[in-house]
Protein backbone atom coordinates (compact mmCIF):
# COMPACT_ATOMS: atom_id res chain seq x y z
CA MET A 1 -2.31 2.68 -19.13
CA ASP A 2 -5.88 3.60 -18.46
CA TYR A 3 -7.19 2.71 -15.04
CA GLY A 4 -10.41 3.92 -13.48
CA ALA A 5 -8.51 5.95 -10.86
CA THR A 6 -6.37 7.77 -13.46
CA ILE A 7 -8.97 10.38 -14.32
CA SER A 8 -9.66 11.36 -10.72
CA LEU A 9 -5.94 11.42 -9.85
CA ASN A 10 -5.22 13.70 -12.78
CA ALA A 11 -7.99 16.03 -11.67
CA ILE A 12 -7.01 15.99 -7.99
CA LYS A 13 -3.21 15.91 -7.95
CA ASN A 14 -2.42 16.73 -11.58
CA ILE A 15 -0.14 13.67 -11.88
CA SER A 16 -0.24 10.53 -13.98
CA TRP A 17 -1.02 7.05 -12.68
CA ASP A 18 2.65 6.06 -13.02
CA GLN A 19 3.80 9.14 -11.09
CA TRP A 20 1.26 8.40 -8.35
CA LEU A 21 2.56 4.83 -8.06
CA ILE A 22 6.15 6.03 -7.71
CA GLN A 23 5.56 9.09 -5.52
CA GLU A 24 2.66 7.99 -3.33
CA TYR A 25 2.06 4.22 -3.41
CA ALA A 26 5.54 2.66 -3.41
CA PRO A 27 7.05 4.74 -0.55
CA LYS A 28 4.03 4.34 1.73
CA LEU A 29 3.70 0.62 1.04
CA GLY A 30 7.42 0.18 1.69
CA LYS A 31 7.24 2.09 4.98
CA THR A 32 4.18 0.12 6.09
CA LEU A 33 5.82 -3.21 5.27
CA ALA A 34 9.06 -2.21 7.01
CA LEU A 35 7.16 -1.31 10.18
CA LEU A 36 5.25 -4.60 10.08
CA ASN A 37 8.42 -6.59 9.38
CA TYR A 38 10.94 -5.05 11.75
CA ARG A 39 8.76 -3.77 14.56
CA HIS A 40 6.13 -6.50 14.73
CA GLY A 41 7.72 -9.48 12.95
CA LEU A 42 4.85 -9.79 10.49
CA PHE A 43 5.42 -10.49 6.80
CA PRO A 44 2.23 -10.29 4.71
CA GLU A 45 2.27 -11.45 1.11
CA SER A 46 1.71 -7.97 -0.26
CA HIS A 47 1.01 -8.64 -3.91
CA SER A 48 -1.79 -6.95 -5.82
CA GLN A 49 -4.39 -9.61 -4.99
CA ASN A 50 -3.84 -9.37 -1.22
CA THR A 51 -3.30 -5.64 -0.77
CA LEU A 52 -6.12 -3.11 -0.65
CA VAL A 53 -5.30 0.60 -0.61
CA ILE A 54 -7.41 3.11 1.30
CA VAL A 55 -7.30 6.37 -0.70
CA ASN A 56 -8.80 9.73 0.21
CA ARG A 57 -10.94 10.53 -2.84
CA GLU A 58 -10.65 14.27 -2.31
CA THR A 59 -6.86 14.51 -2.03
CA GLY A 60 -5.57 11.30 -3.65
CA GLU A 61 -3.50 10.60 -0.53
CA ILE A 62 -3.11 7.07 0.77
CA MET A 63 -4.72 6.71 4.18
CA GLY A 64 -3.65 3.12 4.82
CA PHE A 65 -3.48 -0.46 3.60
CA VAL A 66 -5.50 -3.60 4.25
CA PHE A 67 -3.77 -6.95 3.84
CA ARG A 68 -6.00 -9.91 3.06
CA ASP A 69 -5.41 -13.66 3.28
CA ILE A 70 -4.03 -13.75 6.80
CA ASN A 71 -3.26 -17.45 6.26
CA ASP A 72 -0.39 -16.29 4.02
CA LEU A 73 1.07 -14.12 6.80
CA ALA A 74 4.56 -15.16 7.90
CA VAL A 75 5.54 -14.46 11.50
CA ASP A 76 9.07 -14.02 12.85
CA TYR A 77 8.65 -15.18 16.43
CA ILE A 78 12.07 -13.88 17.50
CA VAL A 79 11.04 -10.31 16.64
CA ARG A 80 7.67 -10.89 18.32
CA ILE A 81 9.33 -11.69 21.69
């Protein structure tokens, strides 16, 4: 796969796009979603169209996530109490 970010990730972290997805993206997205789900009772539809990733261009590290389409956000009101 050739994505625009692949070249800069290879230069910065010396890893492939697939390795970055497994080592960096998946664990941090999972932790973020778990915190939203179980601490705040919020369940965003976190597919590729609704999830933006904030990446430090110098280090390749994920700084955070932005979830769009708040109308698709499910709320567990029992957890919110």
